[in-house]
Amino acid sequence: MPRTLFVAPDQRGALPTIRDALEAADDGAVISIAPGDYPEPISITRQHVTLSARESGSVTISSPFPDQPVVSVTDARVELIGLKLTCEEHSAVRVRGGQVKIVECTATARFAPGIDVAGADRIEIRNSHVTGSQYGIVVEESDGTIDRCEIREIADDGVIVRLGARIKVQHTTIAGCGFRGVYMYQAGDSSLDRCDISQTGDAGIAVADQSSPVISTCWVHDTQGVGISVGRGCGGVIEDCRVENTAVPGIHLADGARTEIREGDPSRGKVPVGAVATTGNHQDLETVDKLLGELDGMIGLASVKAEVRGLIDEIQVNEWRRSEGLSVGTVSNHLVFAGAPGTGKTTVARIYGQLLKALGILPNGRFKEVSRRDLVGQYIGHTAEKAASAFEEARGGVLFIDEAYTLSRSSGSGADFGQEAIDTLVKLMEDHRDEVAVIVAGYTNEMAKFMDANPGLASRFNKTLVFENYSPEELVSISLHMARGDDYLLGEDLDVALLEWFSQMERDQNFGNAREARKLLERMRKSQSTRLRSLGQRPTRDDLRTLSLDDLLEAVRGTG
């Protein structure tokens, strides 16, 4: 019989943390978790274990570290039952290999997929909710079922099934997605059955890139795009579906699509098939002001803030001119972000995408960040496929290419494939110039050379925003902000010492700016831990929260 381990921080005889329970768990163990909040990322590798809330919905697990998911599963057999999982920068649940069952859980991940699955032998998500995330559920190269779930208030796509996945989505409600409700590409013989899909910023269901799903008895309604869109070369069946109050046509089949449409109940009426309709822009000026306030709240970056405000002012005025029937010049939404690392380029890019969405320029504020490895393949033809796939995922929002200069011919091995990625992106930017904002980022000198990699590249970008190094004073402010975010305080005279330290640091092109502040704080926390452990007694709450001058001195010892 499987062993049961109890987690309850304040209960005698129980384990204080979930991680303690995982370390003690043998094969097949059940970890029963008492009600409460658990700010600890959970990593499960090659274990067979169940994590279950003692009372469904009473356990909230969060990750205090932005670069770690709440629950990370690698080649393990895991069940998650009755849990609330919340994260900001990373997924609430990340699965790589193994078998995972998620039952009666709630997942939220503000800037990432709520549930992200790849290479799993089997995935089952049942009676669960995914809300307030960048994407809802993303599945690739995995088999499984999504059954009786609710996916709501998603910034981009509600469900993405891709790259060899075979997923059956059934009895599931998908609503309030900024882009598409369901997006399938290279999805094999996946299926949608008895699903309710509504209130999407684009198509309710989009099928692309050699997918042949069975879509049966679904209700697709109240979408800004068409109800169901099927791309060239795709097959499958659409059977007995209701498509109501969507852009015309309800179902759009591209030339070369092989999908069979089967009529259901005649009383429901025929679903029209034909050309795609277009809609006008809508500006949400309240959201624009809120986002500009968020931009202003960032430390430093005065010139970048001014440039972004200037771009937004021009876009807004152009939309007013267009509504009055006045001529409007062509404006590119593509940008170059140049400067050292750790200067807020990714954050500004996200805000820029949300601003374009609020101004009605792009269908949504979705944000797709890629680097060379996401765009460049290993053999002829593979690169164009990968680059086109990344571009397609960014359609309607922002494609952010970090260290873009590594794609140029002068960058390392396999450079010809990098050039193929550049050439593919340049063509896609021209063919879909009103559907995506592409932002390329990297060191200032390297980005200037990168613009010469393709004759049409420089002409695609409207403006270069230069992100200057933070001043020592700004780095102190950033350190204070980071410390407060992690529930720490700076001790007496520590701000003065930090200012002196940042003032004497060498600032070459590899200077990490905010990353240097983050690394320094991490070393200070380690120094504090060593200091507190040597006290010989349990430290007070203030001791636990306060970083001292001694911690700084120990942290920088040998690094100057």
Protein backbone atom coordinates (compact mmCIF):
# COMPACT_ATOMS: atom_id res chain seq x y z
CA MET A 1 0.00 0.00 0.00
CA PRO A 2 1.42 3.45 -0.92
CA ARG A 3 2.86 5.41 1.97
CA THR A 4 1.17 8.72 2.87
CA LEU A 5 3.24 11.68 4.00
CA PHE A 6 1.62 14.69 5.65
CA VAL A 7 2.75 18.29 5.09
CA ALA A 8 1.65 20.90 7.65
CA PRO A 9 4.12 23.61 8.80
CA ASP A 10 2.49 24.05 12.20
CA GLN A 11 1.55 20.44 12.97
CA ARG A 12 3.78 18.34 15.22
CA GLY A 13 4.93 15.17 13.51
CA ALA A 14 4.17 16.47 9.99
CA LEU A 15 6.73 17.64 7.46
CA PRO A 16 7.12 21.44 7.21
CA THR A 17 7.51 21.75 3.43
CA ILE A 18 6.49 19.91 0.28
CA ARG A 19 10.14 19.61 -0.74
CA ASP A 20 10.89 17.84 2.56
CA ALA A 21 8.12 15.38 1.78
CA LEU A 22 9.46 14.75 -1.73
CA GLU A 23 12.90 13.97 -0.32
CA ALA A 24 11.36 11.43 2.05
CA ALA A 25 8.91 9.95 -0.47
CA ASP A 26 9.36 6.41 -1.73
CA ASP A 27 7.89 5.04 -4.96
CA GLY A 28 4.12 5.57 -5.22
CA ALA A 29 3.91 7.82 -2.13
CA VAL A 30 0.98 10.17 -1.58
CA ILE A 31 1.84 13.61 -0.16
CA SER A 32 -1.20 15.08 1.60
CA ILE A 33 -0.89 18.85 2.04
CA ALA A 34 -2.65 20.86 4.74
CA PRO A 35 -4.49 24.08 3.79
CA GLY A 36 -2.26 27.13 3.39
CA ASP A 37 0.17 29.00 1.17
CA TYR A 38 3.42 27.32 0.16
CA PRO A 39 5.90 29.67 -1.56
CA GLU A 40 8.25 26.97 -2.77
CA PRO A 41 9.00 25.76 -6.32
CA ILE A 42 8.55 22.00 -6.64
CA SER A 43 10.87 19.91 -8.81
CA ILE A 44 10.05 16.23 -9.36
CA THR A 45 12.50 14.10 -11.35
CA ARG A 46 12.14 10.36 -11.98
CA GLN A 47 9.77 9.85 -9.05
CA HIS A 48 6.34 8.24 -8.79
CA VAL A 49 4.35 10.46 -6.42
CA THR A 50 0.98 12.12 -5.80
CA LEU A 51 0.59 15.67 -4.45
CA SER A 52 -2.90 16.15 -3.08
CA ALA A 53 -4.57 18.98 -1.16
CA ARG A 54 -6.14 17.72 2.03
CA GLU A 55 -9.10 19.94 1.11
CA SER A 56 -9.50 20.62 -2.61
CA GLY A 57 -8.71 24.25 -3.48
CA SER A 58 -7.27 25.07 -0.04
CA VAL A 59 -3.58 24.74 -0.96
CA THR A 60 -1.80 27.47 -2.92
CA ILE A 61 1.72 26.73 -4.17
CA SER A 62 3.72 29.56 -5.74
CA SER A 63 7.26 30.09 -7.00
CA PRO A 64 9.09 33.04 -5.41
CA PHE A 65 11.76 32.78 -8.11
CA PRO A 66 10.81 34.28 -11.52
CA ASP A 67 12.94 31.80 -13.49
CA GLN A 68 11.37 28.66 -11.98
CA PRO A 69 7.92 27.12 -12.57
CA VAL A 70 5.75 26.22 -9.61
CA VAL A 71 5.80 22.50 -10.39
CA SER A 72 8.45 21.10 -12.71
CA VAL A 73 8.09 17.44 -13.72
CA THR A 74 10.92 15.63 -15.54
CA ASP A 75 10.61 11.97 -16.58
CA ALA A 76 8.37 11.31 -13.59
CA ARG A 77 4.96 9.78 -12.88
CA VAL A 78 3.00 12.42 -11.01
CA GLU A 79 -0.56 13.23 -9.96
CA LEU A 80 -1.55 16.75 -8.85
CA ILE A 81 -4.92 16.89 -7.13
CA GLY A 82 -6.89 19.89 -5.80
CA LEU A 83 -4.02 22.42 -5.91
CA LYS A 84 -3.84 26.13 -6.76
CA LEU A 85 -0.61 26.87 -8.64
CA THR A 86 0.45 30.46 -9.34
CA CYS A 87 3.50 31.95 -11.03
CA GLU A 88 4.54 35.21 -12.75
CA GLU A 89 7.36 34.70 -15.27
CA HIS A 90 7.25 30.91 -15.69
CA SER A 91 4.67 28.17 -16.11
CA ALA A 92 2.54 27.00 -13.21
CA VAL A 93 3.16 23.41 -14.34
CA ARG A 94 6.03 22.41 -16.65
CA VAL A 95 6.24 18.79 -17.82
CA ARG A 96 9.14 17.27 -19.73
CA GLY A 97 8.66 13.55 -20.20
CA GLY A 98 6.88 11.02 -18.01
CA GLN A 99 3.20 10.70 -17.14
CA VAL A 100 1.21 13.42 -15.42
CA LYS A 101 -2.38 13.64 -14.24
CA ILE A 102 -3.76 17.03 -13.15
CA VAL A 103 -7.16 16.87 -11.47
CA GLU A 104 -9.27 19.67 -9.94
CA CYS A 105 -6.36 22.12 -10.04
CA THR A 106 -6.18 25.83 -10.85
CA ALA A 107 -3.16 27.15 -12.76
CA THR A 108 -2.19 30.80 -13.28
CA ALA A 109 0.99 32.08 -14.97
CA ARG A 110 0.96 35.73 -15.92
CA PHE A 111 3.72 35.72 -18.56
CA ALA A 112 3.87 32.03 -19.51
CA PRO A 113 1.65 29.02 -20.26
CA GLY A 114 -0.45 27.93 -17.32
CA ILE A 115 0.41 24.31 -18.16
CA ASP A 116 3.35 23.55 -20.49
CA VAL A 117 3.86 19.93 -21.62
CA ALA A 118 6.46 18.45 -23.99
CA GLY A 119 7.60 14.89 -24.64
CA ALA A 120 5.24 13.28 -22.14
CA ASP A 121 4.22 9.65 -22.53
CA ARG A 122 0.78 10.53 -21.25
CA ILE A 123 -0.93 13.67 -19.95
CA GLU A 124 -4.40 13.89 -18.43
CA ILE A 125 -5.86 17.24 -17.36
CA ARG A 126 -9.34 16.89 -15.91
CA ASN A 127 -11.83 19.18 -14.13
CA SER A 128 -9.19 21.91 -13.90
CA HIS A 129 -9.07 25.67 -14.47
CA VAL A 130 -6.41 27.75 -16.23
CA THR A 131 -6.84 31.52 -15.90
CA GLY A 132 -4.91 34.79 -16.11
CA SER A 133 -2.01 33.34 -18.10
CA GLN A 134 -0.11 34.27 -21.25
CA TYR A 135 -1.19 30.95 -22.80
CA GLY A 136 -3.59 28.42 -21.35
CA ILE A 137 -2.34 24.88 -22.05
CA VAL A 138 0.53 24.14 -24.46
CA VAL A 139 1.18 20.51 -25.46
CA GLU A 140 3.77 19.16 -27.90
CA GLU A 141 5.05 15.67 -28.72
CA SER A 142 2.73 14.15 -26.12
CA ASP A 143 -0.39 12.00 -26.01
CA GLY A 144 -3.31 12.61 -23.72
CA THR A 145 -6.64 14.17 -22.81
CA ILE A 146 -7.95 17.54 -21.68
CA ASP A 147 -11.38 16.81 -20.23
CA ARG A 148 -14.02 19.04 -18.58
CA CYS A 149 -11.68 21.97 -18.04
CA GLU A 150 -12.19 25.73 -18.10
CA ILE A 151 -9.62 28.00 -19.74
CA ARG A 152 -10.47 31.69 -19.34
CA GLU A 153 -8.94 35.19 -19.49
CA ILE A 154 -5.86 34.18 -21.44
CA ALA A 155 -3.67 36.87 -23.04
CA ASP A 156 -2.93 34.81 -26.17
CA ASP A 157 -4.00 31.31 -27.26
CA GLY A 158 -6.16 29.24 -24.95
CA VAL A 159 -4.90 25.80 -26.06
CA ILE A 160 -1.93 25.09 -28.34
CA VAL A 161 -1.52 21.54 -29.65
CA ARG A 162 1.62 21.21 -31.79
CA LEU A 163 4.57 19.26 -33.17
CA GLY A 164 3.37 15.68 -33.07
CA ALA A 165 1.01 15.94 -30.10
CA ARG A 166 -2.07 13.71 -30.10
CA ILE A 167 -4.51 15.31 -27.72
CA LYS A 168 -8.24 14.85 -27.26
CA VAL A 169 -9.87 18.01 -25.90
CA GLN A 170 -13.42 17.30 -24.77
CA HIS A 171 -16.24 18.89 -22.75
CA THR A 172 -14.04 21.95 -22.23
CA THR A 173 -14.91 25.67 -22.10
CA ILE A 174 -12.43 28.16 -23.59
CA ALA A 175 -13.35 31.85 -23.30
CA GLY A 176 -11.81 35.30 -23.16
CA CYS A 177 -8.59 34.63 -25.09
CA GLY A 178 -6.67 37.56 -26.58
CA PHE A 179 -5.79 35.61 -29.71
CA ARG A 180 -7.15 32.18 -30.68
CA GLY A 181 -9.15 29.75 -28.59
CA VAL A 182 -7.45 26.63 -29.94
CA TYR A 183 -4.40 26.60 -32.23
CA MET A 184 -3.20 23.35 -33.81
CA TYR A 185 -0.15 22.89 -35.99
CA GLN A 186 1.59 19.64 -36.90
CA ALA A 187 -0.90 18.19 -34.44
CA GLY A 188 -1.48 14.82 -36.06
CA ASP A 189 -4.89 13.29 -35.41
CA SER A 190 -5.86 15.33 -32.36
CA SER A 191 -9.52 16.11 -31.75
CA LEU A 192 -11.97 18.59 -30.23
CA ASP A 193 -15.26 17.18 -29.00
CA ARG A 194 -18.18 19.02 -27.36
CA CYS A 195 -16.20 22.14 -26.53
CA ASP A 196 -17.55 25.69 -26.02
CA ILE A 197 -15.19 28.30 -27.49
CA SER A 198 -16.02 32.02 -27.34
CA GLN A 199 -14.84 35.63 -26.93
CA THR A 200 -11.52 35.26 -28.73
CA GLY A 201 -9.52 38.11 -30.25
CA ASP A 202 -9.03 36.15 -33.47
CA ALA A 203 -10.24 32.75 -34.71
CA GLY A 204 -12.04 30.45 -32.31
CA ILE A 205 -10.18 27.42 -33.70
CA ALA A 206 -7.16 27.68 -36.04
CA VAL A 207 -5.76 24.59 -37.78
CA ALA A 208 -2.40 24.90 -39.58
CA ASP A 209 0.68 23.11 -40.93
CA GLN A 210 -0.42 19.58 -41.94
CA SER A 211 -2.84 19.05 -39.04
CA SER A 212 -5.87 16.83 -39.59
CA PRO A 213 -8.05 17.02 -36.46
CA VAL A 214 -11.60 15.84 -35.91
CA ILE A 215 -13.69 18.76 -34.63
CA SER A 216 -17.09 17.51 -33.59
CA THR A 217 -20.16 18.90 -31.83
CA CYS A 218 -18.40 22.11 -30.80
CA TRP A 219 -20.01 25.53 -30.29
CA VAL A 220 -17.85 28.40 -31.51
CA HIS A 221 -19.38 31.82 -30.96
CA ASP A 222 -18.80 35.54 -30.30
CA THR A 223 -15.29 35.65 -31.79
CA GLN A 224 -13.62 38.65 -33.42
CA GLY A 225 -12.09 36.39 -36.07
CA VAL A 226 -13.68 33.55 -38.02
CA GLY A 227 -15.12 30.66 -36.09
CA ILE A 228 -12.87 27.93 -37.52
CA SER A 229 -9.87 28.56 -39.79
CA VAL A 230 -8.13 25.73 -41.68
CA GLY A 231 -4.82 26.27 -43.49
CA ARG A 232 -3.44 24.96 -46.75
CA GLY A 233 -2.59 21.26 -46.74
CA CYS A 234 -4.64 20.46 -43.63
CA GLY A 235 -7.27 17.72 -43.53
CA GLY A 236 -9.56 16.22 -40.94
CA VAL A 237 -13.29 16.58 -40.32
CA ILE A 238 -15.56 19.33 -39.00
CA GLU A 239 -18.80 17.68 -37.96
CA ASP A 240 -22.03 18.91 -36.36
CA CYS A 241 -20.53 22.19 -35.11
CA ARG A 242 -22.43 25.41 -34.35
CA VAL A 243 -20.63 28.59 -35.43
CA GLU A 244 -22.47 31.77 -34.44
CA ASN A 245 -21.75 35.51 -34.21
CA THR A 246 -18.21 35.32 -35.62
CA ALA A 247 -16.46 37.14 -38.44
CA VAL A 248 -17.62 35.99 -41.86
CA PRO A 249 -17.19 33.22 -42.85
CA GLY A 250 -17.98 31.01 -39.91
CA ILE A 251 -15.58 28.43 -41.31
CA HIS A 252 -12.71 29.49 -43.57
CA LEU A 253 -10.88 26.85 -45.61
CA ALA A 254 -7.71 28.05 -47.32
CA ASP A 255 -6.97 26.99 -50.90
CA GLY A 256 -5.55 23.48 -50.74
CA ALA A 257 -7.23 22.51 -47.48
CA ARG A 258 -8.69 18.97 -47.55
CA THR A 259 -11.01 19.24 -44.55
CA GLU A 260 -14.42 17.58 -44.87
CA ILE A 261 -17.38 19.52 -43.46
CA ARG A 262 -20.31 17.37 -42.41
CA GLU A 263 -23.66 18.94 -41.67
CA GLY A 264 -25.33 18.16 -38.38
CA ASP A 265 -28.85 19.01 -37.28
CA PRO A 266 -30.50 20.90 -40.21
CA SER A 267 -32.48 23.07 -37.77
CA ARG A 268 -29.23 24.77 -36.76
CA GLY A 269 -28.73 26.12 -40.26
CA LYS A 270 -25.73 25.91 -42.54
CA VAL A 271 -22.36 27.24 -41.52
CA PRO A 272 -21.15 29.70 -44.23
CA VAL A 273 -17.81 29.11 -45.94
CA GLY A 274 -16.07 31.92 -47.85
CA ALA A 275 -13.72 34.90 -47.57
CA VAL A 276 -12.36 36.35 -44.34
CA ALA A 277 -13.91 39.57 -43.05
CA THR A 278 -11.95 42.53 -41.70
CA THR A 279 -12.75 44.77 -38.75
CA GLY A 280 -11.70 48.26 -37.72
CA ASN A 281 -9.42 49.26 -34.85
CA HIS A 282 -10.67 50.00 -31.35
CA GLN A 283 -8.62 52.07 -28.91
CA ASP A 284 -8.67 51.43 -25.17
CA LEU A 285 -7.19 54.73 -23.98
CA GLU A 286 -7.64 53.88 -20.29
CA THR A 287 -5.40 50.84 -20.72
CA VAL A 288 -2.91 52.93 -22.73
CA ASP A 289 -2.59 55.39 -19.83
CA LYS A 290 -2.19 52.53 -17.34
CA LEU A 291 0.56 50.90 -19.42
CA LEU A 292 2.40 54.19 -19.91
CA GLY A 293 2.25 54.65 -16.14
CA GLU A 294 3.77 51.19 -15.72
CA LEU A 295 6.54 52.19 -18.13
CA ASP A 296 7.17 55.41 -16.23
CA GLY A 297 7.42 53.41 -13.02
CA MET A 298 10.51 51.56 -14.27
CA ILE A 299 13.79 52.78 -12.81
CA GLY A 300 15.96 54.86 -15.18
CA LEU A 301 15.59 54.52 -18.99
CA ALA A 302 14.58 58.17 -19.48
CA SER A 303 15.44 58.27 -23.19
CA VAL A 304 13.74 54.92 -23.88
CA LYS A 305 10.56 56.04 -22.12
CA ALA A 306 10.51 59.24 -24.19
CA GLU A 307 11.00 57.29 -27.43
CA VAL A 308 8.18 54.84 -26.62
CA ARG A 309 5.84 57.69 -25.66
CA GLY A 310 6.67 59.41 -28.96
CA LEU A 311 5.86 56.24 -30.92
CA ILE A 312 2.56 55.75 -29.08
CA ASP A 313 1.59 59.41 -29.58
CA GLU A 314 2.20 59.08 -33.32
CA ILE A 315 0.21 55.86 -33.58
CA GLN A 316 -2.71 57.31 -31.62
CA VAL A 317 -2.85 60.50 -33.70
CA ASN A 318 -2.62 58.50 -36.93
CA GLU A 319 -5.65 56.47 -35.86
CA TRP A 320 -7.56 59.68 -35.14
CA ARG A 321 -6.57 61.03 -38.59
CA ARG A 322 -7.65 57.82 -40.26
CA SER A 323 -11.04 57.95 -38.55
CA GLU A 324 -11.53 61.46 -39.99
CA GLY A 325 -10.67 60.33 -43.50
CA LEU A 326 -7.28 62.09 -43.55
CA SER A 327 -4.18 60.62 -45.17
CA VAL A 328 -1.84 58.61 -42.92
CA GLY A 329 1.72 57.66 -43.77
CA THR A 330 3.00 54.10 -43.40
CA VAL A 331 4.52 53.47 -39.97
CA SER A 332 6.49 50.35 -39.08
CA ASN A 333 5.90 48.84 -35.66
CA HIS A 334 9.22 46.93 -35.76
CA LEU A 335 11.99 48.16 -33.45
CA VAL A 336 15.66 47.62 -32.65
CA PHE A 337 16.59 47.53 -28.95
CA ALA A 338 20.34 48.15 -28.56
CA GLY A 339 22.35 48.14 -25.36
CA ALA A 340 23.98 46.08 -22.65
CA PRO A 341 22.16 43.18 -20.96
CA GLY A 342 20.04 43.66 -17.86
CA THR A 343 18.64 47.04 -18.93
CA GLY A 344 14.95 46.13 -19.12
CA LYS A 345 14.66 45.42 -22.85
CA THR A 346 12.36 42.41 -22.41
CA THR A 347 10.06 44.25 -19.99
CA VAL A 348 9.77 47.28 -22.29
CA ALA A 349 9.04 44.98 -25.25
CA ARG A 350 6.18 43.35 -23.34
CA ILE A 351 4.68 46.73 -22.43
CA TYR A 352 5.06 47.91 -26.04
CA GLY A 353 3.10 44.89 -27.27
CA GLN A 354 0.32 45.55 -24.78
CA LEU A 355 0.23 49.20 -25.88
CA LEU A 356 -0.17 48.19 -29.52
CA LYS A 357 -3.01 45.91 -28.50
CA ALA A 358 -4.72 48.68 -26.50
CA LEU A 359 -4.42 51.04 -29.50
CA GLY A 360 -6.03 48.47 -31.80
CA ILE A 361 -2.92 48.10 -33.95
CA LEU A 362 -2.43 44.42 -33.16
CA PRO A 363 -5.13 41.86 -32.27
CA ASN A 364 -3.48 41.03 -28.96
CA GLY A 365 -0.49 41.76 -26.77
CA ARG A 366 0.93 38.23 -26.98
CA PHE A 367 4.68 38.04 -26.51
CA LYS A 368 6.91 35.42 -28.10
CA GLU A 369 10.59 35.55 -27.05
CA VAL A 370 13.09 33.59 -29.13
CA SER A 371 16.84 33.33 -29.62
CA ARG A 372 19.08 31.75 -32.27
CA ARG A 373 18.40 28.19 -31.12
CA ASP A 374 14.64 28.69 -31.59
CA LEU A 375 15.07 29.89 -35.19
CA VAL A 376 18.04 28.01 -36.64
CA GLY A 377 17.83 24.36 -37.65
CA GLN A 378 20.48 21.72 -38.17
CA TYR A 379 19.96 20.93 -41.84
CA ILE A 380 18.86 22.63 -45.05
CA GLY A 381 15.18 23.58 -44.95
CA HIS A 382 14.82 23.04 -41.21
CA THR A 383 15.66 26.66 -40.40
CA ALA A 384 12.96 28.14 -42.63
CA GLU A 385 10.44 25.80 -40.98
CA LYS A 386 11.49 26.78 -37.44
CA ALA A 387 11.59 30.50 -38.21
CA ALA A 388 8.17 30.39 -39.87
CA SER A 389 6.74 28.44 -36.92
CA ALA A 390 8.05 30.99 -34.40
CA PHE A 391 6.71 33.85 -36.51
CA GLU A 392 3.31 32.15 -36.75
CA GLU A 393 3.14 31.79 -32.96
CA ALA A 394 3.80 35.53 -32.63
CA ARG A 395 1.15 36.57 -35.16
CA GLY A 396 -1.04 39.28 -33.65
CA GLY A 397 1.57 40.34 -31.11
CA VAL A 398 5.30 40.80 -30.55
CA LEU A 399 8.15 38.57 -31.74
CA PHE A 400 11.14 39.44 -29.54
CA ILE A 401 14.49 38.12 -30.86
CA ASP A 402 17.16 38.36 -28.17
CA GLU A 403 20.83 38.52 -29.22
CA ALA A 404 19.61 38.80 -32.81
CA TYR A 405 23.09 39.56 -34.10
CA THR A 406 24.04 35.88 -33.57
CA LEU A 407 21.91 35.08 -36.63
CA SER A 408 24.18 36.98 -39.04
CA ARG A 409 26.75 35.27 -41.22
CA SER A 410 29.66 36.55 -39.14
CA SER A 411 28.39 34.77 -36.00
CA GLY A 412 29.98 31.42 -35.25
CA SER A 413 29.41 28.03 -36.79
CA GLY A 414 26.41 27.15 -38.89
CA ALA A 415 26.18 30.78 -39.92
CA ASP A 416 24.59 30.07 -43.29
CA PHE A 417 21.57 28.60 -41.49
CA GLY A 418 21.43 31.77 -39.38
CA GLN A 419 21.33 33.81 -42.57
CA GLU A 420 18.49 31.61 -43.80
CA ALA A 421 16.54 32.53 -40.64
CA ILE A 422 17.13 36.25 -41.32
CA ASP A 423 16.01 35.95 -44.94
CA THR A 424 12.88 34.01 -43.91
CA LEU A 425 11.95 36.58 -41.27
CA VAL A 426 12.46 39.52 -43.64
CA LYS A 427 10.01 38.00 -46.11
CA LEU A 428 7.46 37.18 -43.41
CA MET A 429 7.72 40.72 -42.02
CA GLU A 430 6.84 42.05 -45.45
CA ASP A 431 4.01 39.58 -46.10
CA HIS A 432 2.45 40.17 -42.65
CA ARG A 433 3.64 43.69 -41.79
CA ASP A 434 0.39 44.65 -40.08
CA GLU A 435 0.10 41.48 -38.00
CA VAL A 436 3.32 41.32 -35.98
CA ALA A 437 5.70 43.75 -34.28
CA VAL A 438 9.22 42.32 -34.49
CA ILE A 439 11.75 43.58 -31.95
CA VAL A 440 15.41 42.58 -32.35
CA ALA A 441 17.72 43.13 -29.38
CA GLY A 442 21.41 42.96 -28.59
CA TYR A 443 24.64 44.85 -27.98
CA THR A 444 24.79 48.26 -29.69
CA ASN A 445 27.77 47.69 -32.01
CA GLU A 446 26.74 44.17 -32.96
CA MET A 447 23.17 45.28 -33.79
CA ALA A 448 24.50 47.96 -36.13
CA LYS A 449 26.39 45.26 -38.06
CA PHE A 450 23.35 42.95 -37.92
CA MET A 451 21.30 45.48 -39.89
CA ASP A 452 23.62 44.84 -42.87
CA ALA A 453 22.94 41.09 -42.93
CA ASN A 454 20.08 41.39 -45.46
CA PRO A 455 19.50 44.24 -47.96
CA GLY A 456 15.89 44.65 -46.80
CA LEU A 457 16.47 44.25 -43.08
CA ALA A 458 17.22 47.86 -42.11
CA SER A 459 14.20 49.17 -44.04
CA ARG A 460 11.85 46.94 -42.01
CA PHE A 461 12.67 48.68 -38.72
CA ASN A 462 11.24 52.07 -37.83
CA LYS A 463 13.57 53.09 -35.01
CA THR A 464 16.44 52.04 -32.76
CA LEU A 465 16.02 52.51 -29.01
CA VAL A 466 19.31 52.64 -27.11
CA PHE A 467 19.22 51.27 -23.56
CA GLU A 468 21.96 52.98 -21.57
CA ASN A 469 23.75 51.39 -18.61
CA TYR A 470 22.10 52.14 -15.28
CA SER A 471 23.86 54.70 -13.10
CA PRO A 472 25.22 53.58 -9.70
CA GLU A 473 22.32 55.41 -8.00
CA GLU A 474 19.81 53.60 -10.20
CA LEU A 475 21.43 50.24 -9.44
CA VAL A 476 21.05 50.95 -5.72
CA SER A 477 17.35 51.70 -6.29
CA ILE A 478 17.00 48.50 -8.32
CA SER A 479 18.71 46.52 -5.53
CA LEU A 480 16.32 48.00 -2.97
CA HIS A 481 13.33 47.14 -5.18
CA MET A 482 14.53 43.55 -5.68
CA ALA A 483 15.21 43.12 -1.97
CA ARG A 484 11.74 44.34 -1.02
CA GLY A 485 10.23 42.01 -3.60
CA ASP A 486 11.96 39.08 -1.90
CA ASP A 487 10.92 40.32 1.59
CA TYR A 488 14.34 41.65 2.60
CA LEU A 489 15.45 45.01 4.01
CA LEU A 490 18.78 46.81 3.62
CA GLY A 491 20.54 47.41 6.94
CA GLU A 492 22.07 50.64 8.20
CA ASP A 493 24.51 52.31 5.77
CA LEU A 494 24.15 49.45 3.31
CA ASP A 495 22.77 51.73 0.58
CA VAL A 496 25.88 53.91 0.86
CA ALA A 497 28.15 50.88 0.59
CA LEU A 498 26.20 49.58 -2.41
CA LEU A 499 26.59 52.94 -4.12
CA GLU A 500 30.35 52.79 -3.57
CA TRP A 501 30.49 49.22 -4.90
CA PHE A 502 28.48 49.92 -8.05
CA SER A 503 30.48 53.12 -8.67
CA GLN A 504 33.79 51.26 -8.88
CA MET A 505 32.57 48.36 -11.05
CA GLU A 506 34.03 48.14 -14.55
CA ARG A 507 31.41 48.90 -17.20
CA ASP A 508 32.43 47.20 -20.44
CA GLN A 509 29.94 45.86 -22.98
CA ASN A 510 29.41 42.73 -20.86
CA PHE A 511 28.33 44.68 -17.77
CA GLY A 512 25.11 43.05 -16.60
CA ASN A 513 23.34 46.09 -15.07
CA ALA A 514 20.28 44.82 -13.19
CA ARG A 515 21.63 41.28 -13.47
CA GLU A 516 24.69 42.39 -11.52
CA ALA A 517 22.39 43.71 -8.80
CA ARG A 518 20.47 40.42 -8.76
CA LYS A 519 23.65 38.31 -8.54
CA LEU A 520 25.00 40.51 -5.76
CA LEU A 521 21.79 40.14 -3.74
CA GLU A 522 21.91 36.37 -4.17
CA ARG A 523 25.48 36.30 -2.81
CA MET A 524 24.43 38.58 0.08
CA ARG A 525 21.58 36.22 0.97
CA LYS A 526 24.03 33.32 1.09
CA SER A 527 26.35 35.36 3.29
CA GLN A 528 23.44 36.25 5.57
CA SER A 529 22.48 32.57 5.85
CA THR A 530 26.00 31.65 6.94
CA ARG A 531 26.05 34.52 9.46
CA LEU A 532 22.67 33.64 10.97
CA ARG A 533 23.49 29.93 11.22
CA SER A 534 26.60 30.80 13.26
CA LEU A 535 24.59 32.68 15.91
CA GLY A 536 23.84 29.50 17.82
CA GLN A 537 20.17 30.45 18.26
CA ARG A 538 17.09 30.98 16.16
CA PRO A 539 17.22 34.47 14.58
CA THR A 540 14.38 36.95 14.99
CA ARG A 541 12.05 37.94 12.17
CA ASP A 542 13.99 41.21 11.75
CA ASP A 543 17.27 39.27 11.61
CA LEU A 544 15.84 37.08 8.85
CA ARG A 545 14.71 40.07 6.81
CA THR A 546 17.76 42.34 7.20
CA LEU A 547 20.83 42.24 4.97
CA SER A 548 23.82 43.86 6.68
CA LEU A 549 27.02 45.59 5.68
CA ASP A 550 28.90 42.45 6.76
CA ASP A 551 26.84 40.42 4.28
CA LEU A 552 27.87 42.77 1.47
CA LEU A 553 31.53 42.67 2.45
CA GLU A 554 31.49 38.87 2.53
CA ALA A 555 29.58 38.71 -0.79
CA VAL A 556 32.09 40.87 -2.66
CA ARG A 557 35.19 39.33 -1.08
CA GLY A 558 37.41 38.11 -3.89
CA THR A 559 35.20 39.61 -6.65
CA GLY A 560 36.68 43.12 -6.74
